[in-house]
Amino acid sequence: MENKRTLRSGAVIRAITRKEADAKNLLTRQTLSELHLMPSGEPVAFELSEKGDLIYYFDPDRVVEAPVEMWYSPTSKKENYTLESGTVIERMSIKRAAACGFYPADKLKRMNYETVEEPVAFTYRADKSILFFFDKKTAKRLPLLCVRCGKDIRYKKKLCAACYEEDMKIRRAEGDKLRSACYGMKEEEVLFFDLELTGFYDHDEILSITIIDGNGDMVMDTLVKPEHTKKWNRTEKIHGITPDMVVDAPTLKELTPKIKEIFANAKNLIAYGVSTDFSHIKYIYDTPEERDELHKKVRCCANEYVRYIHEHRPELEHASLIDAMECLGIEWEGVPHSSIADTFACRKVWNVLFPNYYRETENN
């Protein structure tokens, strides 16, 4: 005899007798119906009748009043049906049943559920045969099948293990082709940059900016004096830039002409996490058109690293610059979270991901 059952939520309930249930004031679905109540939680115990029917018991402290239409219908005569177990269920329309979360067995099957409890209501089909309704809350959720082959249980990304691996082979091949391609870029026309900020939001200000080219030569490295923010305690703990350090630094407004000149001569601007850096540097440009032109040059090293690990190291869950350096076995120059160290690190990660970025063809 079955002594335990695992519900869809993972909760395990045990079998009890009717006498034990009565002693604990537990209620069957039939009793709840007679009291015009509905369970608001999962069953807390179950019983198998002599005929093998499954009867769930519910906690009386976890019930709610049933909708009026479930127990009162002024325009129709109430009709009941007695199951072989002796449980009495009520007739209701398909619409009312659906509102209560009750469905026919075939519809539950299409929803990937298997019925385990006896019917909780019924109606008549057009041919006068009986259509039983089952409670979705107590139905067993079946494993979902692969959306591609429809045969095996899902493993990842809604695919079974075989289809997922086949999909990964295609994605790896496409990604490796993209990363190993020759782009013919000139080192001096590719710039890597990083910013350190007073905070994490768009309204925060720039505290430092570092720009290097594809050769690793320094183009700009400077602290920036914020015009509105006086303290930044949270981010100071990360990058180490204090208010005293930027007192004599130039403001972003003073640096803007030089930054614009540098960016104008670049074909690509690469940063690790472009969404943050671009959202701040774009404000040195006055018009949407200028910002759009700048954005066309921007490439995100973080996005390319995420694509790489999704294709080759799907077990990795984090994709910070520190994670990328560790994954690719690259050593740091300087202290992480400073704009200068992060800029050089970004360049190294990019060069590993795109080893032929500056080559015209594979032969040169």
Protein backbone atom coordinates (compact mmCIF):
# COMPACT_ATOMS: atom_id res chain seq x y z
CA MET A 1 0.00 0.00 0.00
CA GLU A 2 1.25 3.45 -0.89
CA ASN A 3 2.25 5.33 2.27
CA LYS A 4 3.55 8.58 0.77
CA ARG A 5 2.86 10.78 -2.23
CA THR A 6 4.91 13.61 -3.72
CA LEU A 7 2.85 16.57 -4.89
CA ARG A 8 3.68 18.71 -7.91
CA SER A 9 5.28 21.31 -5.65
CA GLY A 10 7.66 18.68 -4.27
CA ALA A 11 5.87 18.46 -0.92
CA VAL A 12 5.48 14.93 0.45
CA ILE A 13 2.24 13.93 2.17
CA ARG A 14 1.44 10.66 3.93
CA ALA A 15 -1.49 8.29 3.89
CA ILE A 16 -3.90 8.37 6.83
CA THR A 17 -7.17 6.68 7.73
CA ARG A 18 -10.56 8.35 7.83
CA LYS A 19 -10.49 8.08 11.61
CA GLU A 20 -7.14 9.90 11.81
CA ALA A 21 -8.39 12.57 9.42
CA ASP A 22 -11.52 13.15 11.52
CA ALA A 23 -9.42 13.43 14.66
CA LYS A 24 -7.40 16.22 13.00
CA ASN A 25 -10.51 17.88 11.54
CA LEU A 26 -9.20 17.43 8.02
CA LEU A 27 -11.71 17.89 5.23
CA THR A 28 -12.32 15.98 2.02
CA ARG A 29 -13.19 17.79 -1.16
CA GLN A 30 -16.77 16.56 -0.85
CA THR A 31 -17.08 18.02 2.65
CA LEU A 32 -15.64 21.31 1.44
CA SER A 33 -18.18 21.41 -1.36
CA GLU A 34 -21.04 20.79 1.07
CA LEU A 35 -19.76 23.73 3.15
CA HIS A 36 -19.42 25.93 0.05
CA LEU A 37 -15.65 26.09 0.50
CA MET A 38 -12.60 25.57 -1.71
CA PRO A 39 -9.03 24.61 -0.72
CA SER A 40 -6.53 27.46 -0.96
CA GLY A 41 -3.55 25.19 -0.43
CA GLU A 42 -2.34 21.75 -1.38
CA PRO A 43 -3.62 18.54 0.23
CA VAL A 44 -2.01 17.66 3.56
CA ALA A 45 -2.78 13.92 3.55
CA PHE A 46 -4.47 11.26 1.45
CA GLU A 47 -6.37 8.00 1.67
CA LEU A 48 -6.79 5.14 -0.76
CA SER A 49 -10.27 3.67 -0.62
CA GLU A 50 -10.92 -0.07 -0.77
CA LYS A 51 -11.54 0.33 -4.51
CA GLY A 52 -8.22 2.10 -4.95
CA ASP A 53 -9.65 5.60 -5.39
CA LEU A 54 -7.50 8.47 -4.18
CA ILE A 55 -9.08 10.83 -1.67
CA TYR A 56 -7.20 13.97 -0.61
CA TYR A 57 -7.58 15.70 2.76
CA PHE A 58 -7.21 19.45 3.19
CA ASP A 59 -6.31 21.68 6.12
CA PRO A 60 -9.45 23.52 7.37
CA ASP A 61 -7.26 26.57 8.07
CA ARG A 62 -6.33 26.82 4.40
CA VAL A 63 -9.69 27.13 2.69
CA VAL A 64 -11.63 29.99 1.12
CA GLU A 65 -15.27 30.53 0.35
CA ALA A 66 -16.25 29.07 -3.00
CA PRO A 67 -17.62 31.41 -5.67
CA VAL A 68 -21.37 31.76 -5.36
CA GLU A 69 -21.93 30.32 -8.82
CA MET A 70 -20.39 27.06 -7.63
CA TRP A 71 -23.05 26.39 -5.05
CA TYR A 72 -25.98 28.47 -6.08
CA SER A 73 -27.58 28.64 -9.50
CA PRO A 74 -31.07 30.16 -9.44
CA THR A 75 -31.92 29.23 -13.02
CA SER A 76 -31.00 25.56 -13.00
CA LYS A 77 -31.72 22.53 -10.90
CA LYS A 78 -28.82 21.23 -8.84
CA GLU A 79 -27.68 17.78 -9.94
CA ASN A 80 -25.21 15.41 -8.30
CA TYR A 81 -23.37 12.27 -9.31
CA THR A 82 -22.11 9.57 -6.96
CA LEU A 83 -18.74 8.03 -7.81
CA GLU A 84 -17.91 4.39 -7.11
CA SER A 85 -16.00 5.51 -4.01
CA GLY A 86 -19.19 7.01 -2.65
CA THR A 87 -18.02 10.60 -3.21
CA VAL A 88 -20.75 12.88 -4.46
CA ILE A 89 -19.77 15.45 -7.09
CA GLU A 90 -21.81 18.28 -8.54
CA ARG A 91 -22.72 19.05 -12.11
CA MET A 92 -21.37 22.33 -13.48
CA SER A 93 -20.79 23.96 -16.82
CA ILE A 94 -17.45 23.84 -18.59
CA LYS A 95 -17.07 27.59 -18.08
CA ARG A 96 -17.70 27.36 -14.34
CA ALA A 97 -15.37 24.39 -14.06
CA ALA A 98 -12.54 26.24 -15.81
CA ALA A 99 -13.04 29.23 -13.51
CA CYS A 100 -12.43 26.87 -10.57
CA GLY A 101 -9.38 25.26 -12.18
CA PHE A 102 -11.21 22.03 -13.09
CA TYR A 103 -10.60 20.46 -16.51
CA PRO A 104 -11.40 17.23 -18.39
CA ALA A 105 -8.68 14.58 -18.34
CA ASP A 106 -7.90 14.96 -22.07
CA LYS A 107 -7.37 18.72 -21.71
CA LEU A 108 -5.12 18.20 -18.70
CA LYS A 109 -3.14 15.72 -20.76
CA ARG A 110 -2.67 18.35 -23.47
CA MET A 111 -1.52 20.70 -20.70
CA ASN A 112 1.00 18.00 -19.70
CA TYR A 113 -0.78 16.87 -16.55
CA GLU A 114 -1.85 13.41 -15.45
CA THR A 115 -4.93 12.93 -13.27
CA VAL A 116 -4.37 11.06 -10.02
CA GLU A 117 -7.36 12.15 -7.95
CA GLU A 118 -10.95 11.13 -8.64
CA PRO A 119 -13.22 13.62 -10.48
CA VAL A 120 -14.35 16.71 -8.61
CA ALA A 121 -17.30 17.69 -10.88
CA PHE A 122 -19.07 16.61 -14.06
CA THR A 123 -21.23 17.73 -16.95
CA TYR A 124 -22.88 16.15 -19.99
CA ARG A 125 -21.56 16.05 -23.52
CA ALA A 126 -23.79 16.69 -26.51
CA ASP A 127 -24.43 12.93 -26.81
CA LYS A 128 -25.52 12.87 -23.14
CA SER A 129 -22.43 10.94 -22.02
CA ILE A 130 -20.74 12.11 -18.81
CA LEU A 131 -17.69 14.35 -18.92
CA PHE A 132 -15.73 14.40 -15.69
CA PHE A 133 -13.66 17.35 -14.42
CA PHE A 134 -10.43 17.01 -12.44
CA ASP A 135 -8.66 19.55 -10.27
CA LYS A 136 -5.48 20.84 -11.90
CA LYS A 137 -4.00 21.69 -8.48
CA THR A 138 -3.82 18.01 -7.55
CA ALA A 139 -2.94 16.65 -11.00
CA LYS A 140 0.58 15.36 -11.56
CA ARG A 141 2.82 17.48 -13.75
CA LEU A 142 4.48 15.33 -16.40
CA PRO A 143 8.02 16.00 -17.63
CA LEU A 144 8.05 18.39 -20.57
CA LEU A 145 9.24 17.02 -23.90
CA CYS A 146 11.79 18.49 -26.27
CA VAL A 147 10.25 21.20 -28.46
CA ARG A 148 12.30 20.03 -31.43
CA CYS A 149 12.00 16.24 -31.55
CA GLY A 150 9.07 15.86 -29.15
CA LYS A 151 10.43 12.52 -27.95
CA ASP A 152 12.77 12.94 -25.01
CA ILE A 153 12.52 14.94 -21.78
CA ARG A 154 13.83 18.50 -21.87
CA TYR A 155 17.42 19.04 -20.74
CA LYS A 156 18.24 22.71 -21.42
CA LYS A 157 16.66 25.56 -23.39
CA LYS A 158 13.52 23.44 -23.93
CA LEU A 159 15.60 20.82 -25.80
CA CYS A 160 16.47 17.24 -24.91
CA ALA A 161 20.12 16.35 -24.34
CA ALA A 162 20.68 15.12 -27.91
CA CYS A 163 18.99 18.10 -29.58
CA TYR A 164 20.72 20.51 -27.21
CA GLU A 165 24.15 19.11 -28.03
CA GLU A 166 23.38 19.25 -31.76
CA ASP A 167 22.26 22.85 -31.37
CA MET A 168 25.42 23.65 -29.40
CA LYS A 169 27.62 22.20 -32.17
CA ILE A 170 26.01 24.54 -34.69
CA ARG A 171 26.30 27.54 -32.37
CA ARG A 172 29.94 26.75 -31.55
CA ALA A 173 30.82 26.47 -35.22
CA GLU A 174 29.15 29.80 -36.00
CA GLY A 175 30.75 31.53 -33.02
CA ASP A 176 34.22 30.12 -33.71
CA LYS A 177 33.97 31.22 -37.33
CA LEU A 178 33.06 34.74 -36.24
CA ARG A 179 35.85 34.92 -33.65
CA SER A 180 38.58 33.47 -35.88
CA ALA A 181 37.73 35.67 -38.87
CA CYS A 182 40.16 38.30 -40.12
CA TYR A 183 38.81 41.84 -39.84
CA GLY A 184 41.77 43.84 -41.16
CA MET A 185 41.50 46.48 -38.46
CA LYS A 186 44.41 48.85 -37.79
CA GLU A 187 45.64 48.85 -34.20
CA GLU A 188 45.74 52.63 -33.96
CA GLU A 189 42.11 52.90 -35.13
CA VAL A 190 40.78 50.51 -32.47
CA LEU A 191 40.36 52.05 -29.03
CA PHE A 192 39.63 50.38 -25.72
CA PHE A 193 38.20 52.49 -22.91
CA ASP A 194 36.85 52.24 -19.39
CA LEU A 195 35.24 54.64 -16.93
CA GLU A 196 34.99 54.74 -13.16
CA LEU A 197 31.87 56.40 -11.75
CA THR A 198 30.41 57.96 -8.65
CA GLY A 199 27.57 55.41 -8.70
CA PHE A 200 25.67 52.85 -10.71
CA TYR A 201 23.00 54.95 -12.42
CA ASP A 202 22.74 57.19 -15.46
CA HIS A 203 22.71 60.36 -13.37
CA ASP A 204 26.05 59.49 -11.72
CA GLU A 205 29.25 61.19 -12.89
CA ILE A 206 32.57 60.07 -14.34
CA LEU A 207 35.59 59.97 -11.99
CA SER A 208 38.24 58.59 -14.33
CA ILE A 209 38.63 57.65 -17.96
CA THR A 210 41.30 55.53 -19.64
CA ILE A 211 41.70 55.06 -23.40
CA ILE A 212 44.33 52.88 -25.09
CA ASP A 213 44.70 51.73 -28.70
CA GLY A 214 45.04 48.27 -30.18
CA ASN A 215 48.81 48.36 -29.71
CA GLY A 216 48.35 48.91 -25.99
CA ASP A 217 49.64 52.49 -26.23
CA MET A 218 48.11 55.01 -23.84
CA VAL A 219 45.86 57.59 -25.51
CA MET A 220 44.28 59.13 -22.40
CA ASP A 221 44.36 58.35 -18.71
CA THR A 222 42.99 60.96 -16.33
CA LEU A 223 40.93 61.49 -13.23
CA VAL A 224 37.80 63.57 -13.70
CA LYS A 225 36.38 66.07 -11.23
CA PRO A 226 32.60 65.63 -10.91
CA GLU A 227 30.62 68.87 -11.09
CA HIS A 228 27.70 67.90 -8.85
CA THR A 229 28.62 64.91 -6.69
CA LYS A 230 30.68 65.49 -3.54
CA LYS A 231 30.81 61.98 -2.05
CA TRP A 232 30.54 58.44 -3.45
CA ASN A 233 31.11 56.14 -0.50
CA ARG A 234 29.79 52.95 -2.10
CA THR A 235 31.82 53.07 -5.30
CA GLU A 236 34.88 54.50 -3.54
CA LYS A 237 35.25 51.12 -1.85
CA ILE A 238 35.37 49.49 -5.30
CA HIS A 239 37.68 51.69 -7.37
CA GLY A 240 39.51 53.53 -4.56
CA ILE A 241 39.04 57.03 -5.98
CA THR A 242 38.44 59.49 -3.14
CA PRO A 243 37.06 63.06 -3.34
CA ASP A 244 40.50 64.43 -2.41
CA MET A 245 42.08 62.69 -5.39
CA VAL A 246 39.95 64.57 -7.94
CA VAL A 247 40.04 68.06 -6.43
CA ASP A 248 42.56 69.33 -9.00
CA ALA A 249 41.44 67.07 -11.85
CA PRO A 250 39.84 68.51 -15.02
CA THR A 251 36.08 68.35 -15.36
CA LEU A 252 34.37 66.30 -18.04
CA LYS A 253 33.38 69.56 -19.78
CA GLU A 254 37.03 70.53 -20.00
CA LEU A 255 37.99 67.10 -21.35
CA THR A 256 35.16 66.86 -23.86
CA PRO A 257 36.91 68.46 -26.89
CA LYS A 258 39.89 66.12 -26.55
CA ILE A 259 37.71 63.01 -26.04
CA LYS A 260 35.63 63.90 -29.09
CA GLU A 261 38.78 64.31 -31.18
CA ILE A 262 40.10 60.93 -30.03
CA PHE A 263 36.83 59.13 -30.70
CA ALA A 264 36.40 60.81 -34.10
CA ASN A 265 39.60 59.19 -35.38
CA ALA A 266 38.60 55.69 -34.20
CA LYS A 267 36.76 53.05 -36.21
CA ASN A 268 35.94 50.87 -33.19
CA LEU A 269 35.45 51.72 -29.51
CA ILE A 270 35.57 48.63 -27.32
CA ALA A 271 34.58 48.43 -23.65
CA TYR A 272 33.70 45.64 -21.25
CA GLY A 273 30.04 46.31 -20.53
CA VAL A 274 29.19 48.96 -23.10
CA SER A 275 25.73 49.69 -21.73
CA THR A 276 27.20 51.34 -18.62
CA ASP A 277 30.12 53.17 -20.19
CA PHE A 278 28.23 54.36 -23.26
CA SER A 279 25.27 55.57 -21.19
CA HIS A 280 27.65 58.06 -19.50
CA ILE A 281 30.09 59.03 -22.24
CA LYS A 282 27.29 59.74 -24.74
CA TYR A 283 26.32 62.89 -22.85
CA ILE A 284 29.38 64.73 -24.13
CA TYR A 285 27.53 64.82 -27.45
CA ASP A 286 24.70 67.30 -27.87
CA THR A 287 22.48 65.70 -30.51
CA PRO A 288 20.90 62.25 -30.97
CA GLU A 289 22.56 62.01 -34.38
CA GLU A 290 26.02 62.45 -32.86
CA ARG A 291 25.26 59.86 -30.21
CA ASP A 292 24.02 57.41 -32.84
CA GLU A 293 27.22 57.85 -34.83
CA LEU A 294 29.24 57.15 -31.71
CA HIS A 295 27.15 54.07 -30.87
CA LYS A 296 27.81 52.59 -34.33
CA LYS A 297 31.50 52.41 -33.43
CA VAL A 298 30.98 50.75 -30.06
CA ARG A 299 31.64 47.04 -29.52
CA CYS A 300 30.95 45.21 -26.26
CA CYS A 301 33.66 42.82 -25.12
CA ALA A 302 31.39 41.46 -22.37
CA ASN A 303 28.75 40.38 -24.89
CA GLU A 304 31.37 38.53 -26.94
CA TYR A 305 32.71 36.79 -23.84
CA VAL A 306 29.19 35.76 -22.81
CA ARG A 307 28.64 34.27 -26.26
CA TYR A 308 31.93 32.40 -25.98
CA ILE A 309 31.14 30.80 -22.61
CA HIS A 310 27.58 29.95 -23.71
CA GLU A 311 29.10 28.01 -26.60
CA HIS A 312 32.16 26.50 -24.90
CA ARG A 313 31.71 26.77 -21.12
CA PRO A 314 27.94 26.66 -20.45
CA GLU A 315 28.58 25.61 -16.86
CA LEU A 316 29.92 29.09 -16.05
CA GLU A 317 27.33 31.41 -14.53
CA HIS A 318 29.21 34.70 -14.08
CA ALA A 319 30.67 36.96 -16.74
CA SER A 320 32.39 39.88 -15.02
CA LEU A 321 35.74 41.09 -16.35
CA ILE A 322 37.45 39.29 -13.47
CA ASP A 323 35.64 36.08 -14.44
CA ALA A 324 36.69 36.50 -18.07
CA MET A 325 40.34 37.00 -17.12
CA GLU A 326 40.28 33.88 -14.94
CA CYS A 327 38.46 31.76 -17.52
CA LEU A 328 40.86 32.69 -20.32
CA GLY A 329 43.94 32.42 -18.10
CA ILE A 330 45.01 36.06 -18.50
CA GLU A 331 47.12 37.93 -15.95
CA TRP A 332 46.19 41.39 -14.73
CA GLU A 333 48.24 44.54 -15.17
CA GLY A 334 47.47 46.71 -12.17
CA VAL A 335 44.59 46.55 -9.71
CA PRO A 336 41.16 45.36 -10.93
CA HIS A 337 38.37 47.96 -10.84
CA SER A 338 40.68 50.82 -11.74
CA SER A 339 39.97 52.25 -15.17
CA ILE A 340 43.54 51.71 -16.38
CA ALA A 341 43.73 48.06 -15.29
CA ASP A 342 40.26 47.30 -16.61
CA THR A 343 41.04 48.90 -19.97
CA PHE A 344 44.18 46.82 -20.47
CA ALA A 345 42.28 43.73 -19.30
CA CYS A 346 39.50 44.41 -21.80
CA ARG A 347 42.07 44.61 -24.61
CA LYS A 348 43.61 41.29 -23.56
CA VAL A 349 40.25 39.52 -23.42
CA TRP A 350 39.31 40.91 -26.84
CA ASN A 351 42.60 39.75 -28.36
CA VAL A 352 42.08 36.22 -27.05
CA LEU A 353 38.52 36.10 -28.35
CA PHE A 354 39.46 37.65 -31.73
CA PRO A 355 43.06 36.55 -32.44
CA ASN A 356 42.90 37.66 -36.10
CA TYR A 357 41.19 40.98 -35.55
CA TYR A 358 44.05 43.00 -37.06
CA ARG A 359 44.87 40.62 -39.91
CA GLU A 360 43.79 41.18 -43.50
CA THR A 361 43.79 37.45 -44.32
CA GLU A 362 44.77 34.26 -42.52
CA ASN A 363 48.06 34.09 -44.45
CA ASN A 364 49.51 37.46 -43.44
